[in-house]
């Protein structure tokens, strides 16, 4: 990720918010929809269900980053937007703080809309999830998942490798489905959206606040790792030689 700072080549905020809304909605629709399909196609085999769910998420997230990255940066995640602002605030490389708030609203609304859309597509009754995910292991898992996600994204940004963000982020989330006990929500907007489906991918409203709290802690850890490992923003981060946005995750106009 790099900046979406104010410049002639930066899309207007309205377009960026639409991009974040649609991208987050489709991401949650992929997660929830593939979870519902997995339950239907592989009843009684939770391992196979998770494999099907994670595989769809890997491909879906990769495509969505490539699709919406040149417009909004394809954050789809409030903690990523916050990290982008914090890490770029001194150099002017990140989005502005007011934009962070606007992005978060669009992302949360998109997350809820995506869950509702998946319920409609699979003719599942609309309702809140009853799946309790509270547990100390799950909390640690969310810290690890979110810290790794943030650290990966901004390591790519700060070394000028933003073009690899789509496959790298997709692969990381797919792996984190399996190596974290929480199955890697790593996203407050997705967490809130998944409250609105009582299916394989759902999370009970009572579990969501703790998950979000751990995601915030994980984001802080990811920011700290970024500053420790990559303290300087590469002058080539996210931009091409012809001064146009590379747009793999966040466009970096000059």
Protein backbone atom coordinates (compact mmCIF):
# COMPACT_ATOMS: atom_id res chain seq x y z
CA UNK A 1 0.00 0.00 0.00
CA UNK A 2 1.05 3.52 -0.70
CA UNK A 3 -0.77 6.78 -0.65
CA UNK A 4 -3.95 8.17 -2.05
CA UNK A 5 -2.83 11.71 -1.27
CA UNK A 6 -4.39 14.73 -2.84
CA UNK A 7 -3.19 15.07 -6.42
CA UNK A 8 -4.58 15.43 -9.89
CA UNK A 9 -4.45 11.68 -10.43
CA UNK A 10 -6.23 10.71 -7.21
CA UNK A 11 -9.86 9.66 -7.77
CA UNK A 12 -12.45 11.78 -5.92
CA UNK A 13 -13.52 10.62 -2.47
CA UNK A 14 -16.99 9.58 -3.68
CA UNK A 15 -15.48 7.08 -6.14
CA UNK A 16 -13.05 5.79 -3.55
CA UNK A 17 -15.83 5.25 -1.01
CA UNK A 18 -17.93 3.40 -3.59
CA UNK A 19 -14.89 1.24 -4.32
CA UNK A 20 -14.37 0.44 -0.63
CA UNK A 21 -18.07 -0.30 -0.13
CA UNK A 22 -18.31 -2.62 -3.13
CA UNK A 23 -14.97 -4.30 -2.47
CA UNK A 24 -15.76 -5.04 1.17
CA UNK A 25 -19.29 -6.18 0.30
CA UNK A 26 -18.01 -8.59 -2.32
CA UNK A 27 -15.26 -9.84 -0.01
CA UNK A 28 -17.78 -10.71 2.70
CA UNK A 29 -20.12 -12.20 0.10
CA UNK A 30 -17.24 -14.45 -1.03
CA UNK A 31 -16.41 -15.49 2.54
CA UNK A 32 -20.00 -16.09 3.63
CA UNK A 33 -21.27 -17.47 0.33
CA UNK A 34 -18.46 -19.98 -0.02
CA UNK A 35 -19.00 -21.01 3.59
CA UNK A 36 -22.67 -21.70 2.92
CA UNK A 37 -21.81 -23.63 -0.25
CA UNK A 38 -19.17 -25.62 1.62
CA UNK A 39 -21.66 -26.63 4.31
CA UNK A 40 -24.09 -27.77 1.60
CA UNK A 41 -21.57 -29.62 -0.55
CA UNK A 42 -19.55 -31.23 2.24
CA UNK A 43 -21.90 -31.84 5.17
CA UNK A 44 -20.24 -33.27 8.23
CA UNK A 45 -16.65 -32.63 7.05
CA UNK A 46 -15.50 -29.42 8.71
CA UNK A 47 -11.95 -29.73 7.40
CA UNK A 48 -13.12 -29.92 3.80
CA UNK A 49 -15.55 -27.07 4.41
CA UNK A 50 -12.71 -24.87 5.65
CA UNK A 51 -10.58 -25.82 2.65
CA UNK A 52 -13.35 -24.85 0.26
CA UNK A 53 -14.03 -21.63 2.17
CA UNK A 54 -10.37 -20.60 2.32
CA UNK A 55 -9.70 -21.42 -1.33
CA UNK A 56 -12.58 -19.23 -2.49
CA UNK A 57 -11.37 -16.43 -0.23
CA UNK A 58 -7.81 -16.57 -1.61
CA UNK A 59 -8.98 -16.20 -5.20
CA UNK A 60 -11.76 -13.74 -4.39
CA UNK A 61 -9.56 -11.40 -2.37
CA UNK A 62 -6.82 -11.43 -5.01
CA UNK A 63 -9.29 -10.49 -7.73
CA UNK A 64 -10.91 -7.77 -5.63
CA UNK A 65 -7.55 -6.12 -4.86
CA UNK A 66 -6.70 -6.05 -8.57
CA UNK A 67 -10.18 -4.76 -9.41
CA UNK A 68 -10.52 -1.93 -6.90
CA UNK A 69 -6.90 -1.15 -6.01
CA UNK A 70 -6.39 1.57 -8.63
CA UNK A 71 -9.42 3.46 -7.32
CA UNK A 72 -9.32 3.36 -3.52
CA UNK A 73 -6.30 1.26 -2.66
CA UNK A 74 -8.47 -1.78 -1.93
CA UNK A 75 -8.15 -1.49 1.85
CA UNK A 76 -11.48 -3.21 2.64
CA UNK A 77 -10.36 -3.02 6.26
CA UNK A 78 -10.48 -0.15 8.79
CA UNK A 79 -7.22 -1.14 10.50
CA UNK A 80 -5.41 -1.08 7.16
CA UNK A 81 -6.79 2.41 6.50
CA UNK A 82 -5.65 3.55 9.95
CA UNK A 83 -2.20 2.07 9.40
CA UNK A 84 -1.95 3.76 6.00
CA UNK A 85 -2.71 7.13 7.58
CA UNK A 86 -0.38 6.62 10.54
CA UNK A 87 2.61 5.37 8.56
CA UNK A 88 2.26 8.04 5.89
CA UNK A 89 1.21 11.02 7.99
CA UNK A 90 4.64 12.70 8.15
CA UNK A 91 5.55 12.29 4.50
CA UNK A 92 2.04 12.89 3.19
CA UNK A 93 2.09 9.42 1.62
CA UNK A 94 -1.05 8.08 3.31
CA UNK A 95 -4.72 8.96 3.23
CA UNK A 96 -5.99 11.74 5.46
CA UNK A 97 -7.53 11.14 8.86
CA UNK A 98 -11.00 12.34 7.75
CA UNK A 99 -10.77 9.91 4.85
CA UNK A 100 -9.97 7.11 7.30
CA UNK A 101 -13.30 7.72 9.01
CA UNK A 102 -15.15 7.83 5.70
CA UNK A 103 -13.42 4.67 4.52
CA UNK A 104 -14.33 2.86 7.75
CA UNK A 105 -18.02 3.74 7.39
CA UNK A 106 -18.06 2.54 3.78
CA UNK A 107 -16.21 -0.66 4.71
CA UNK A 108 -18.54 -1.51 7.61
CA UNK A 109 -21.63 -0.81 5.51
CA UNK A 110 -20.17 -2.95 2.75
CA UNK A 111 -19.40 -5.79 5.15
CA UNK A 112 -22.99 -5.92 6.37
CA UNK A 113 -24.37 -5.64 2.83
CA UNK A 114 -22.15 -8.50 1.68
CA UNK A 115 -23.43 -10.84 4.39
CA UNK A 116 -27.04 -9.96 3.58
CA UNK A 117 -26.37 -10.51 -0.13
CA UNK A 118 -24.90 -13.97 0.52
CA UNK A 119 -27.92 -14.89 2.64
CA UNK A 120 -30.22 -13.82 -0.18
CA UNK A 121 -28.29 -15.70 -2.87
CA UNK A 122 -28.38 -18.94 -0.90
CA UNK A 123 -31.91 -18.37 0.43
CA UNK A 124 -30.74 -18.35 4.04
CA UNK A 125 -32.95 -16.68 6.62
CA UNK A 126 -31.66 -13.25 7.60
CA UNK A 127 -30.62 -13.21 11.23
CA UNK A 128 -27.74 -12.71 13.60
CA UNK A 129 -25.15 -15.42 14.03
CA UNK A 130 -25.25 -17.68 17.06
CA UNK A 131 -21.68 -18.97 16.56
CA UNK A 132 -19.70 -18.19 19.71
CA UNK A 133 -16.02 -17.72 18.91
CA UNK A 134 -14.78 -16.41 22.25
CA UNK A 135 -11.70 -18.13 23.61
CA UNK A 136 -8.19 -17.14 24.60
CA UNK A 137 -6.73 -19.01 21.64
CA UNK A 138 -9.01 -17.18 19.23
CA UNK A 139 -7.96 -13.84 20.70
CA UNK A 140 -4.27 -14.60 20.22
CA UNK A 141 -5.04 -15.84 16.72
CA UNK A 142 -6.62 -12.52 15.77
CA UNK A 143 -3.60 -10.57 17.03
CA UNK A 144 -1.25 -12.78 15.00
CA UNK A 145 -3.43 -12.69 11.87
CA UNK A 146 -3.89 -8.92 11.88
CA UNK A 147 -0.28 -8.12 12.79
CA UNK A 148 0.98 -10.30 9.95
CA UNK A 149 -1.46 -8.78 7.46
CA UNK A 150 -0.52 -5.18 8.27
CA UNK A 151 3.21 -5.94 8.40
CA UNK A 152 3.08 -7.75 5.04
CA UNK A 153 1.16 -5.02 3.25
CA UNK A 154 3.44 -2.19 4.35
CA UNK A 155 6.62 -4.21 3.88
CA UNK A 156 5.61 -4.49 0.23
CA UNK A 157 4.78 -0.79 0.07
CA UNK A 158 7.99 0.40 1.65
CA UNK A 159 10.15 -1.72 -0.62
CA UNK A 160 8.41 -0.71 -3.85
CA UNK A 161 6.79 -4.12 -4.38
CA UNK A 162 3.14 -3.04 -4.29
CA UNK A 163 2.49 -4.92 -7.53
CA UNK A 164 2.79 -8.17 -5.57
CA UNK A 165 0.19 -7.16 -2.99
CA UNK A 166 -2.80 -8.89 -4.57
CA UNK A 167 -1.35 -12.43 -4.69
CA UNK A 168 0.66 -11.94 -1.49
CA UNK A 169 -2.27 -10.74 0.60
CA UNK A 170 -4.56 -13.39 -0.85
CA UNK A 171 -2.00 -16.09 -0.09
CA UNK A 172 -1.42 -14.81 3.45
CA UNK A 173 -5.11 -14.77 4.33
CA UNK A 174 -5.54 -18.23 2.82
CA UNK A 175 -2.69 -19.57 4.92
CA UNK A 176 -3.90 -17.76 8.04
CA UNK A 177 -7.26 -19.56 7.75
CA UNK A 178 -5.27 -22.64 8.74
CA UNK A 179 -2.43 -21.51 10.98
CA UNK A 180 -4.52 -19.28 13.27
CA UNK A 181 -7.09 -20.68 15.68
CA UNK A 182 -9.55 -17.90 14.81
CA UNK A 183 -9.41 -18.65 11.03
CA UNK A 184 -8.08 -15.13 10.48
CA UNK A 185 -10.87 -12.57 10.43
CA UNK A 186 -8.20 -9.82 10.77
CA UNK A 187 -10.70 -7.14 9.78
CA UNK A 188 -13.25 -5.20 11.91
CA UNK A 189 -15.55 -4.52 8.93
CA UNK A 190 -15.61 -8.19 7.93
CA UNK A 191 -16.15 -9.18 11.57
CA UNK A 192 -19.17 -6.90 11.89
CA UNK A 193 -20.54 -8.10 8.56
CA UNK A 194 -20.23 -11.75 9.54
CA UNK A 195 -22.47 -11.15 12.57
CA UNK A 196 -25.35 -10.90 10.11
CA UNK A 197 -25.30 -14.51 8.91
CA UNK A 198 -26.07 -17.55 11.03
CA UNK A 199 -23.98 -19.84 8.84
CA UNK A 200 -20.53 -21.44 8.64
CA UNK A 201 -18.70 -18.09 8.48
CA UNK A 202 -20.77 -16.26 11.09
CA UNK A 203 -19.71 -14.84 14.42
CA UNK A 204 -22.00 -14.15 17.35
CA UNK A 205 -22.44 -10.46 18.23
CA UNK A 206 -21.14 -11.23 21.72
CA UNK A 207 -17.82 -12.43 20.26
CA UNK A 208 -17.30 -9.56 17.82
CA UNK A 209 -16.12 -6.81 20.26
CA UNK A 210 -13.30 -8.98 21.60
CA UNK A 211 -12.26 -9.94 18.07
CA UNK A 212 -12.18 -6.30 17.01
CA UNK A 213 -10.19 -5.34 20.09
CA UNK A 214 -7.59 -7.98 19.28
CA UNK A 215 -7.50 -6.84 15.66
CA UNK A 216 -6.67 -3.31 16.80
CA UNK A 217 -3.88 -4.65 18.99
CA UNK A 218 -2.65 -6.73 16.07
CA UNK A 219 -2.64 -3.67 13.82
CA UNK A 220 -0.49 -1.80 16.37
CA UNK A 221 1.93 -4.72 16.45
CA UNK A 222 2.01 -4.76 12.64
CA UNK A 223 2.74 -1.02 12.53
CA UNK A 224 5.53 -1.44 15.08
CA UNK A 225 7.06 -4.27 13.04
CA UNK A 226 6.88 -2.15 9.91
CA UNK A 227 8.67 0.76 11.55
CA UNK A 228 11.30 -1.56 13.02
CA UNK A 229 12.00 -3.50 9.83
CA UNK A 230 11.33 -0.87 7.15
CA UNK A 231 11.68 2.57 8.75
CA UNK A 232 12.04 4.43 5.44
CA UNK A 233 9.40 4.75 2.72
CA UNK A 234 10.88 3.80 -0.63
CA UNK A 235 10.77 6.60 -3.18
CA UNK A 236 9.62 3.99 -5.69
CA UNK A 237 6.90 2.53 -3.49
CA UNK A 238 3.80 1.84 -5.51
CA UNK A 239 4.59 4.11 -8.44
CA UNK A 240 5.62 3.40 -11.99
CA UNK A 241 8.24 5.30 -13.96
CA UNK A 242 5.65 7.12 -16.02
CA UNK A 243 4.13 8.70 -12.93
CA UNK A 244 0.89 6.74 -13.06
CA UNK A 245 -0.57 4.76 -10.17
CA UNK A 246 0.52 1.12 -10.01
CA UNK A 247 -2.60 0.45 -7.97
CA UNK A 248 -1.89 -3.07 -6.74
CA UNK A 249 -3.33 -2.17 -3.36
CA UNK A 250 -3.14 1.58 -2.98
CA UNK A 251 -2.38 3.85 -5.94
CA UNK A 252 0.62 6.09 -5.36
CA UNK A 253 0.24 9.17 -7.56
CA UNK A 254 3.00 11.80 -7.34
